[in-house]
Amino acid sequence: MQRLSVFNPFNAPVYHEDTVDSTMEVSRVLARNGEPHGTVIIADFQSAGRGRLRERAWQMDRGINLAFTILLRFPGIEGIPPALTLRTGLAVSLAIEDFAPALVGNVLIKWPNDIFIDTAAVAGKAAGILAEADGGNARIGIGVNVGQKQFPDSLRGKATSISLAAGREIADGERYELLEKILIRLYAETGGYADDWHERIEARLYQKGRHVCFAAGPADSGKTVTGILSGIGPGGELLLIPDGGQETASFTAGELRLT
């Protein structure tokens, strides 16, 4: 494991591995070994990276994208900031716009854990976030399609990258510039300094005000609700006005689908 000379506002190490099963699992080991708040593990390739659902693998090409996990330590589970996944999404979306100014206004947060880029040229998922907590320890896994140009058939039309959306080549070393920008934004969004996170997330909430289909609860529940996506609640829950109703319903688990 190599330590990188990457700026980290958390004042903690940034480690690099060529190939790992999952940066989330490596971060779990780092936590047990006593590594401090803000420790990062980044890998060029994950052989078993996954998304929010365990059966969904996070697929990305080797060496041209960004896959890492950051360890955050809090006094206890009650000290973990509310809506941590969405606030991380806000940090990632802002960092992408810092990195590629041409995309300002086109980087959106899809509830609960995806980042979409929507431009006149391309539209699709560009990043995914997975947050897990164990007591006061939170591990946030982040995957960003940075330089990828081709995607598997199953993802074509659904995924994009910063390179495709911004219309420019991205050199290998620029991944670390993006990493620094994400860490800077994440430090601000999780440090208690950004009290207006709720409004700023809603301002870039994907499909806000539009008719959507929502798969509520666990992936195998079979329950779907259609209606108008009205926003997010104080804890980051999804707010939706179901068809035929006037009362707003809130959901803490599920997946947003388009109709």
C-alpha atoms as a PDB file:
ATOM      1  CA  MET A   1       0.000   0.000   0.000  1.00  0.00           C
ATOM      2  CA  GLN A   2       1.451   3.317  -1.128  1.00  0.00           C
ATOM      3  CA  ARG A   3       0.789   6.685   0.499  1.00  0.00           C
ATOM      4  CA  LEU A   4       0.028   9.405  -2.047  1.00  0.00           C
ATOM      5  CA  SER A   5       1.025  13.049  -1.881  1.00  0.00           C
ATOM      6  CA  VAL A   6      -2.547  14.224  -2.327  1.00  0.00           C
ATOM      7  CA  PHE A   7      -3.918  17.185  -0.388  1.00  0.00           C
ATOM      8  CA  ASN A   8      -6.444  15.999   2.179  1.00  0.00           C
ATOM      9  CA  PRO A   9      -8.152  18.703   4.271  1.00  0.00           C
ATOM     10  CA  PHE A  10      -8.966  16.051   6.898  1.00  0.00           C
ATOM     11  CA  ASN A  11      -5.204  15.901   7.593  1.00  0.00           C
ATOM     12  CA  ALA A  12      -5.221  12.124   7.180  1.00  0.00           C
ATOM     13  CA  PRO A  13      -3.411   9.669   4.886  1.00  0.00           C
ATOM     14  CA  VAL A  14      -4.443   8.939   1.312  1.00  0.00           C
ATOM     15  CA  TYR A  15      -3.452   5.375   0.430  1.00  0.00           C
ATOM     16  CA  HIS A  16      -3.306   3.782  -3.009  1.00  0.00           C
ATOM     17  CA  GLU A  17      -3.555   0.205  -4.218  1.00  0.00           C
ATOM     18  CA  ASP A  18      -3.431  -1.006  -7.808  1.00  0.00           C
ATOM     19  CA  THR A  19      -6.122  -3.671  -7.376  1.00  0.00           C
ATOM     20  CA  VAL A  20      -8.403  -4.511  -4.438  1.00  0.00           C
ATOM     21  CA  ASP A  21     -11.562  -6.530  -3.992  1.00  0.00           C
ATOM     22  CA  SER A  22     -13.318  -3.441  -2.657  1.00  0.00           C
ATOM     23  CA  THR A  23     -12.069  -0.162  -1.203  1.00  0.00           C
ATOM     24  CA  MET A  24     -14.920  -0.408   1.314  1.00  0.00           C
ATOM     25  CA  GLU A  25     -13.450  -3.624   2.707  1.00  0.00           C
ATOM     26  CA  VAL A  26      -9.938  -2.172   2.808  1.00  0.00           C
ATOM     27  CA  SER A  27     -11.317   0.856   4.664  1.00  0.00           C
ATOM     28  CA  ARG A  28     -12.920  -1.486   7.185  1.00  0.00           C
ATOM     29  CA  VAL A  29      -9.475  -2.972   7.886  1.00  0.00           C
ATOM     30  CA  LEU A  30      -7.914   0.488   8.124  1.00  0.00           C
ATOM     31  CA  ALA A  31     -10.550   1.428  10.707  1.00  0.00           C
ATOM     32  CA  ARG A  32      -9.714  -1.635  12.797  1.00  0.00           C
ATOM     33  CA  ASN A  33      -6.041  -0.696  12.563  1.00  0.00           C
ATOM     34  CA  GLY A  34      -6.754   2.711  14.095  1.00  0.00           C
ATOM     35  CA  GLU A  35      -6.346   4.963  11.045  1.00  0.00           C
ATOM     36  CA  PRO A  36      -7.714   8.462  11.723  1.00  0.00           C
ATOM     37  CA  HIS A  37     -10.802  10.368  10.651  1.00  0.00           C
ATOM     38  CA  GLY A  38     -10.569  11.224   6.963  1.00  0.00           C
ATOM     39  CA  THR A  39      -8.300   8.349   5.886  1.00  0.00           C
ATOM     40  CA  VAL A  40      -8.736   7.532   2.185  1.00  0.00           C
ATOM     41  CA  ILE A  41      -8.036   4.373   0.216  1.00  0.00           C
ATOM     42  CA  ILE A  42      -8.102   4.679  -3.585  1.00  0.00           C
ATOM     43  CA  ALA A  43      -7.662   1.848  -6.081  1.00  0.00           C
ATOM     44  CA  ASP A  44      -7.086   1.720  -9.832  1.00  0.00           C
ATOM     45  CA  PHE A  45      -9.399  -1.279 -10.066  1.00  0.00           C
ATOM     46  CA  GLN A  46     -11.920  -3.065  -7.854  1.00  0.00           C
ATOM     47  CA  SER A  47     -12.639  -6.702  -8.612  1.00  0.00           C
ATOM     48  CA  ALA A  48     -15.705  -6.772  -6.352  1.00  0.00           C
ATOM     49  CA  GLY A  49     -16.879  -3.183  -6.135  1.00  0.00           C
ATOM     50  CA  ARG A  50     -20.598  -2.872  -5.520  1.00  0.00           C
ATOM     51  CA  GLY A  51     -23.403  -0.383  -5.459  1.00  0.00           C
ATOM     52  CA  ARG A  52     -26.233   0.241  -3.016  1.00  0.00           C
ATOM     53  CA  LEU A  53     -27.633  -3.221  -3.768  1.00  0.00           C
ATOM     54  CA  ARG A  54     -25.227  -6.078  -3.142  1.00  0.00           C
ATOM     55  CA  GLU A  55     -26.127  -7.834  -6.377  1.00  0.00           C
ATOM     56  CA  ARG A  56     -25.138  -4.788  -8.434  1.00  0.00           C
ATOM     57  CA  ALA A  57     -21.459  -4.536  -9.223  1.00  0.00           C
ATOM     58  CA  TRP A  58     -19.832  -1.140  -9.763  1.00  0.00           C
ATOM     59  CA  GLN A  59     -18.115  -1.520 -13.130  1.00  0.00           C
ATOM     60  CA  MET A  60     -15.378   0.794 -14.344  1.00  0.00           C
ATOM     61  CA  ASP A  61     -12.300   0.558 -16.514  1.00  0.00           C
ATOM     62  CA  ARG A  62      -8.886   0.321 -14.889  1.00  0.00           C
ATOM     63  CA  GLY A  63      -6.808   3.417 -14.254  1.00  0.00           C
ATOM     64  CA  ILE A  64      -8.999   6.064 -15.892  1.00  0.00           C
ATOM     65  CA  ASN A  65     -11.703   6.521 -13.279  1.00  0.00           C
ATOM     66  CA  LEU A  66     -11.903   7.208  -9.563  1.00  0.00           C
ATOM     67  CA  ALA A  67     -12.817   4.610  -6.947  1.00  0.00           C
ATOM     68  CA  PHE A  68     -12.127   5.299  -3.287  1.00  0.00           C
ATOM     69  CA  THR A  69     -13.492   5.063   0.238  1.00  0.00           C
ATOM     70  CA  ILE A  70     -13.075   7.600   2.996  1.00  0.00           C
ATOM     71  CA  LEU A  71     -13.262   6.685   6.670  1.00  0.00           C
ATOM     72  CA  LEU A  72     -15.094   9.184   8.863  1.00  0.00           C
ATOM     73  CA  ARG A  73     -15.079   8.833  12.631  1.00  0.00           C
ATOM     74  CA  PHE A  74     -17.703  10.421  14.875  1.00  0.00           C
ATOM     75  CA  PRO A  75     -18.226  10.254  18.681  1.00  0.00           C
ATOM     76  CA  GLY A  76     -21.125   7.820  18.161  1.00  0.00           C
ATOM     77  CA  ILE A  77     -23.841   6.925  15.708  1.00  0.00           C
ATOM     78  CA  GLU A  78     -25.789   9.957  16.878  1.00  0.00           C
ATOM     79  CA  GLY A  79     -22.872  12.135  15.775  1.00  0.00           C
ATOM     80  CA  ILE A  80     -23.109  11.067  12.115  1.00  0.00           C
ATOM     81  CA  PRO A  81     -24.502  13.996  10.101  1.00  0.00           C
ATOM     82  CA  PRO A  82     -28.070  13.486   8.855  1.00  0.00           C
ATOM     83  CA  ALA A  83     -28.515  12.598   5.173  1.00  0.00           C
ATOM     84  CA  LEU A  84     -24.818  11.747   4.913  1.00  0.00           C
ATOM     85  CA  THR A  85     -25.189   9.996   1.546  1.00  0.00           C
ATOM     86  CA  LEU A  86     -27.026  12.923  -0.021  1.00  0.00           C
ATOM     87  CA  ARG A  87     -24.607  15.431   1.474  1.00  0.00           C
ATOM     88  CA  THR A  88     -21.761  13.425   0.005  1.00  0.00           C
ATOM     89  CA  GLY A  89     -23.604  13.568  -3.315  1.00  0.00           C
ATOM     90  CA  LEU A  90     -23.749  17.344  -2.980  1.00  0.00           C
ATOM     91  CA  ALA A  91     -20.001  17.447  -2.332  1.00  0.00           C
ATOM     92  CA  VAL A  92     -19.258  15.196  -5.315  1.00  0.00           C
ATOM     93  CA  SER A  93     -21.506  17.160  -7.664  1.00  0.00           C
ATOM     94  CA  LEU A  94     -19.927  20.470  -6.627  1.00  0.00           C
ATOM     95  CA  ALA A  95     -16.447  18.988  -7.021  1.00  0.00           C
ATOM     96  CA  ILE A  96     -17.262  17.756 -10.527  1.00  0.00           C
ATOM     97  CA  GLU A  97     -18.340  21.261 -11.437  1.00  0.00           C
ATOM     98  CA  ASP A  98     -15.150  22.663  -9.867  1.00  0.00           C
ATOM     99  CA  PHE A  99     -13.150  20.186 -11.949  1.00  0.00           C
ATOM    100  CA  ALA A 100     -15.084  20.716 -15.197  1.00  0.00           C
ATOM    101  CA  PRO A 101     -16.648  24.208 -15.172  1.00  0.00           C
ATOM    102  CA  ALA A 102     -18.366  23.514 -18.495  1.00  0.00           C
ATOM    103  CA  LEU A 103     -20.726  21.227 -16.556  1.00  0.00           C
ATOM    104  CA  VAL A 104     -21.901  23.827 -14.027  1.00  0.00           C
ATOM    105  CA  GLY A 105     -25.662  23.522 -13.652  1.00  0.00           C
ATOM    106  CA  ASN A 106     -25.764  20.085 -15.288  1.00  0.00           C
ATOM    107  CA  VAL A 107     -24.621  17.864 -12.407  1.00  0.00           C
ATOM    108  CA  LEU A 108     -27.618  16.522 -10.510  1.00  0.00           C
ATOM    109  CA  ILE A 109     -28.296  14.341  -7.465  1.00  0.00           C
ATOM    110  CA  LYS A 110     -30.534  11.327  -8.082  1.00  0.00           C
ATOM    111  CA  TRP A 111     -32.019  10.091  -4.815  1.00  0.00           C
ATOM    112  CA  PRO A 112     -30.627   8.353  -2.866  1.00  0.00           C
ATOM    113  CA  ASN A 113     -27.029   7.859  -4.016  1.00  0.00           C
ATOM    114  CA  ASP A 114     -26.314   8.608  -7.676  1.00  0.00           C
ATOM    115  CA  ILE A 115     -24.879  11.580  -9.525  1.00  0.00           C
ATOM    116  CA  PHE A 116     -26.305  12.279 -12.967  1.00  0.00           C
ATOM    117  CA  ILE A 117     -24.872  14.534 -15.637  1.00  0.00           C
ATOM    118  CA  ASP A 118     -27.522  15.869 -17.994  1.00  0.00           C
ATOM    119  CA  THR A 119     -26.394  17.996 -20.948  1.00  0.00           C
ATOM    120  CA  ALA A 120     -27.610  18.516 -24.497  1.00  0.00           C
ATOM    121  CA  ALA A 121     -25.026  15.974 -25.656  1.00  0.00           C
ATOM    122  CA  VAL A 122     -25.198  13.227 -23.005  1.00  0.00           C
ATOM    123  CA  ALA A 123     -27.262  12.168 -20.026  1.00  0.00           C
ATOM    124  CA  GLY A 124     -26.576   9.414 -17.539  1.00  0.00           C
ATOM    125  CA  LYS A 125     -25.133   8.283 -14.254  1.00  0.00           C
ATOM    126  CA  ALA A 126     -21.599   9.528 -13.707  1.00  0.00           C
ATOM    127  CA  ALA A 127     -21.007   8.595 -10.073  1.00  0.00           C
ATOM    128  CA  GLY A 128     -22.328   6.396  -7.307  1.00  0.00           C
ATOM    129  CA  ILE A 129     -22.048   6.578  -3.531  1.00  0.00           C
ATOM    130  CA  LEU A 130     -22.300   3.881  -0.897  1.00  0.00           C
ATOM    131  CA  ALA A 131     -22.301   4.794   2.809  1.00  0.00           C
ATOM    132  CA  GLU A 132     -22.105   2.291   5.662  1.00  0.00           C
ATOM    133  CA  ALA A 133     -21.893   2.922   9.392  1.00  0.00           C
ATOM    134  CA  ASP A 134     -20.608   0.843  12.269  1.00  0.00           C
ATOM    135  CA  GLY A 135     -21.213   2.702  15.498  1.00  0.00           C
ATOM    136  CA  GLY A 136     -19.536   6.066  15.088  1.00  0.00           C
ATOM    137  CA  ASN A 137     -17.461   4.932  12.105  1.00  0.00           C
ATOM    138  CA  ALA A 138     -18.816   5.752   8.658  1.00  0.00           C
ATOM    139  CA  ARG A 139     -17.277   4.508   5.436  1.00  0.00           C
ATOM    140  CA  ILE A 140     -18.240   6.321   2.261  1.00  0.00           C
ATOM    141  CA  GLY A 141     -17.402   4.594  -1.008  1.00  0.00           C
ATOM    142  CA  ILE A 142     -17.386   6.839  -4.074  1.00  0.00           C
ATOM    143  CA  GLY A 143     -17.004   5.810  -7.697  1.00  0.00           C
ATOM    144  CA  VAL A 144     -16.753   8.403 -10.474  1.00  0.00           C
ATOM    145  CA  ASN A 145     -16.586   7.751 -14.203  1.00  0.00           C
ATOM    146  CA  VAL A 146     -13.848  10.205 -15.101  1.00  0.00           C
ATOM    147  CA  GLY A 147     -12.202   9.266 -18.400  1.00  0.00           C
ATOM    148  CA  GLN A 148     -14.254   6.268 -19.524  1.00  0.00           C
ATOM    149  CA  LYS A 149     -15.479   6.421 -23.141  1.00  0.00           C
ATOM    150  CA  GLN A 150     -17.186   3.043 -23.588  1.00  0.00           C
ATOM    151  CA  PHE A 151     -19.634   1.180 -21.358  1.00  0.00           C
ATOM    152  CA  PRO A 152     -21.012  -2.373 -21.345  1.00  0.00           C
ATOM    153  CA  ASP A 153     -24.187  -2.950 -23.357  1.00  0.00           C
ATOM    154  CA  SER A 154     -26.209  -3.080 -20.139  1.00  0.00           C
ATOM    155  CA  LEU A 155     -25.110   0.479 -19.258  1.00  0.00           C
ATOM    156  CA  ARG A 156     -25.243   2.168 -22.660  1.00  0.00           C
ATOM    157  CA  GLY A 157     -27.653   5.049 -22.566  1.00  0.00           C
ATOM    158  CA  LYS A 158     -27.660   4.895 -18.752  1.00  0.00           C
ATOM    159  CA  ALA A 159     -24.081   5.850 -17.847  1.00  0.00           C
ATOM    160  CA  THR A 160     -21.741   8.633 -18.848  1.00  0.00           C
ATOM    161  CA  SER A 161     -18.420  10.123 -17.747  1.00  0.00           C
ATOM    162  CA  ILE A 162     -16.983  13.538 -17.073  1.00  0.00           C
ATOM    163  CA  SER A 163     -14.859  13.216 -20.206  1.00  0.00           C
ATOM    164  CA  LEU A 164     -17.854  12.469 -22.445  1.00  0.00           C
ATOM    165  CA  ALA A 165     -20.037  15.141 -20.861  1.00  0.00           C
ATOM    166  CA  ALA A 166     -17.365  17.851 -20.888  1.00  0.00           C
ATOM    167  CA  GLY A 167     -16.166  16.886 -24.369  1.00  0.00           C
ATOM    168  CA  ARG A 168     -12.484  16.722 -23.512  1.00  0.00           C
ATOM    169  CA  GLU A 169      -9.717  14.244 -22.849  1.00  0.00           C
ATOM    170  CA  ILE A 170      -8.776  13.772 -19.209  1.00  0.00           C
ATOM    171  CA  ALA A 171      -5.210  12.760 -18.400  1.00  0.00           C
ATOM    172  CA  ASP A 172      -4.538  10.016 -15.860  1.00  0.00           C
ATOM    173  CA  GLY A 173      -3.059  12.353 -13.259  1.00  0.00           C
ATOM    174  CA  GLU A 174      -6.143  14.570 -13.329  1.00  0.00           C
ATOM    175  CA  ARG A 175      -8.024  11.905 -11.374  1.00  0.00           C
ATOM    176  CA  TYR A 176      -6.109  12.990  -8.298  1.00  0.00           C
ATOM    177  CA  GLU A 177      -7.031  16.630  -8.911  1.00  0.00           C
ATOM    178  CA  LEU A 178     -10.673  15.569  -8.856  1.00  0.00           C
ATOM    179  CA  LEU A 179     -10.058  13.532  -5.689  1.00  0.00           C
ATOM    180  CA  GLU A 180      -8.637  16.606  -3.944  1.00  0.00           C
ATOM    181  CA  LYS A 181     -11.635  18.693  -4.991  1.00  0.00           C
ATOM    182  CA  ILE A 182     -14.040  16.030  -3.692  1.00  0.00           C
ATOM    183  CA  LEU A 183     -12.234  15.854  -0.357  1.00  0.00           C
ATOM    184  CA  ILE A 184     -12.270  19.640   0.002  1.00  0.00           C
ATOM    185  CA  ARG A 185     -15.999  19.775  -0.703  1.00  0.00           C
ATOM    186  CA  LEU A 186     -16.729  16.762   1.528  1.00  0.00           C
ATOM    187  CA  TYR A 187     -14.803  18.322   4.402  1.00  0.00           C
ATOM    188  CA  ALA A 188     -17.011  21.412   4.166  1.00  0.00           C
ATOM    189  CA  GLU A 189     -20.273  19.485   3.779  1.00  0.00           C
ATOM    190  CA  THR A 190     -19.698  17.102   6.710  1.00  0.00           C
ATOM    191  CA  GLY A 191     -18.008  19.469   9.134  1.00  0.00           C
ATOM    192  CA  GLY A 192     -21.096  21.294  10.339  1.00  0.00           C
ATOM    193  CA  TYR A 193     -20.283  24.461   8.422  1.00  0.00           C
ATOM    194  CA  ALA A 194     -22.924  24.125   5.709  1.00  0.00           C
ATOM    195  CA  ASP A 195     -26.328  24.505   7.371  1.00  0.00           C
ATOM    196  CA  ASP A 196     -28.114  25.114   4.056  1.00  0.00           C
ATOM    197  CA  TRP A 197     -27.360  21.647   2.653  1.00  0.00           C
ATOM    198  CA  HIS A 198     -31.065  20.785   2.409  1.00  0.00           C
ATOM    199  CA  GLU A 199     -31.880  23.682   0.089  1.00  0.00           C
ATOM    200  CA  ARG A 200     -28.774  23.178  -2.016  1.00  0.00           C
ATOM    201  CA  ILE A 201     -29.535  19.473  -2.504  1.00  0.00           C
ATOM    202  CA  GLU A 202     -33.129  20.211  -3.494  1.00  0.00           C
ATOM    203  CA  ALA A 203     -31.892  22.807  -6.005  1.00  0.00           C
ATOM    204  CA  ARG A 204     -30.137  20.035  -7.975  1.00  0.00           C
ATOM    205  CA  LEU A 205     -32.434  17.112  -7.149  1.00  0.00           C
ATOM    206  CA  TYR A 206     -32.929  15.006 -10.259  1.00  0.00           C
ATOM    207  CA  GLN A 207     -36.563  14.989 -11.482  1.00  0.00           C
ATOM    208  CA  LYS A 208     -37.786  17.330  -8.723  1.00  0.00           C
ATOM    209  CA  GLY A 209     -41.287  18.502  -9.605  1.00  0.00           C
ATOM    210  CA  ARG A 210     -41.727  15.777 -12.206  1.00  0.00           C
ATOM    211  CA  HIS A 211     -43.797  12.632 -12.418  1.00  0.00           C
ATOM    212  CA  VAL A 212     -41.765   9.604 -11.343  1.00  0.00           C
ATOM    213  CA  CYS A 213     -42.074   5.948 -10.461  1.00  0.00           C
ATOM    214  CA  PHE A 214     -40.606   4.947  -7.125  1.00  0.00           C
ATOM    215  CA  ALA A 215     -39.798   1.375  -6.070  1.00  0.00           C
ATOM    216  CA  ALA A 216     -40.409   1.639  -2.340  1.00  0.00           C
ATOM    217  CA  GLY A 217     -38.601  -0.315   0.356  1.00  0.00           C
ATOM    218  CA  PRO A 218     -36.284  -3.288  -0.255  1.00  0.00           C
ATOM    219  CA  ALA A 219     -35.464  -4.219  -3.833  1.00  0.00           C
ATOM    220  CA  ASP A 220     -37.647  -7.337  -3.669  1.00  0.00           C
ATOM    221  CA  SER A 221     -40.698  -5.659  -2.113  1.00  0.00           C
ATOM    222  CA  GLY A 222     -42.521  -5.317  -5.430  1.00  0.00           C
ATOM    223  CA  LYS A 223     -44.124  -2.091  -4.209  1.00  0.00           C
ATOM    224  CA  THR A 224     -44.130   0.878  -6.551  1.00  0.00           C
ATOM    225  CA  VAL A 225     -45.584   4.346  -6.111  1.00  0.00           C
ATOM    226  CA  THR A 226     -46.080   6.897  -8.876  1.00  0.00           C
ATOM    227  CA  GLY A 227     -46.498  10.604  -8.354  1.00  0.00           C
ATOM    228  CA  ILE A 228     -44.755  13.976  -8.243  1.00  0.00           C
ATOM    229  CA  LEU A 229     -41.332  14.134  -6.617  1.00  0.00           C
ATOM    230  CA  SER A 230     -41.677  17.146  -4.333  1.00  0.00           C
ATOM    231  CA  GLY A 231     -38.290  17.162  -2.575  1.00  0.00           C
ATOM    232  CA  ILE A 232     -36.499  15.723   0.437  1.00  0.00           C
ATOM    233  CA  GLY A 233     -37.306  15.806   4.144  1.00  0.00           C
ATOM    234  CA  PRO A 234     -35.131  17.092   6.997  1.00  0.00           C
ATOM    235  CA  GLY A 235     -33.380  13.720   7.302  1.00  0.00           C
ATOM    236  CA  GLY A 236     -32.922  13.265   3.564  1.00  0.00           C
ATOM    237  CA  GLU A 237     -36.006  11.089   3.046  1.00  0.00           C
ATOM    238  CA  LEU A 238     -37.691  11.250  -0.366  1.00  0.00           C
ATOM    239  CA  LEU A 239     -40.941  13.248  -0.492  1.00  0.00           C
ATOM    240  CA  LEU A 240     -43.508  12.287  -3.085  1.00  0.00           C
ATOM    241  CA  ILE A 241     -47.140  13.239  -3.733  1.00  0.00           C
ATOM    242  CA  PRO A 242     -48.782  10.000  -4.942  1.00  0.00           C
ATOM    243  CA  ASP A 243     -51.119  10.036  -7.920  1.00  0.00           C
ATOM    244  CA  GLY A 244     -54.666  10.825  -6.881  1.00  0.00           C
ATOM    245  CA  GLY A 245     -53.614  12.183  -3.512  1.00  0.00           C
ATOM    246  CA  GLN A 246     -52.755  15.497  -1.934  1.00  0.00           C
ATOM    247  CA  GLU A 247     -50.815  14.341   1.115  1.00  0.00           C
ATOM    248  CA  THR A 248     -47.045  14.088   0.818  1.00  0.00           C
ATOM    249  CA  ALA A 249     -45.605  10.638   1.510  1.00  0.00           C
ATOM    250  CA  SER A 250     -42.030  10.161   2.739  1.00  0.00           C
ATOM    251  CA  PHE A 251     -39.716   7.230   2.044  1.00  0.00           C
ATOM    252  CA  THR A 252     -36.409   6.313   3.612  1.00  0.00           C
ATOM    253  CA  ALA A 253     -35.582   3.348   1.352  1.00  0.00           C
ATOM    254  CA  GLY A 254     -36.156   2.519  -2.268  1.00  0.00           C
ATOM    255  CA  GLU A 255     -35.095   3.438  -5.768  1.00  0.00           C
ATOM    256  CA  LEU A 256     -36.231   6.212  -8.080  1.00  0.00           C
ATOM    257  CA  ARG A 257     -37.251   5.115 -11.557  1.00  0.00           C
ATOM    258  CA  LEU A 258     -38.464   7.158 -14.491  1.00  0.00           C
ATOM    259  CA  THR A 259     -41.876   6.704 -16.084  1.00  0.00           C
END
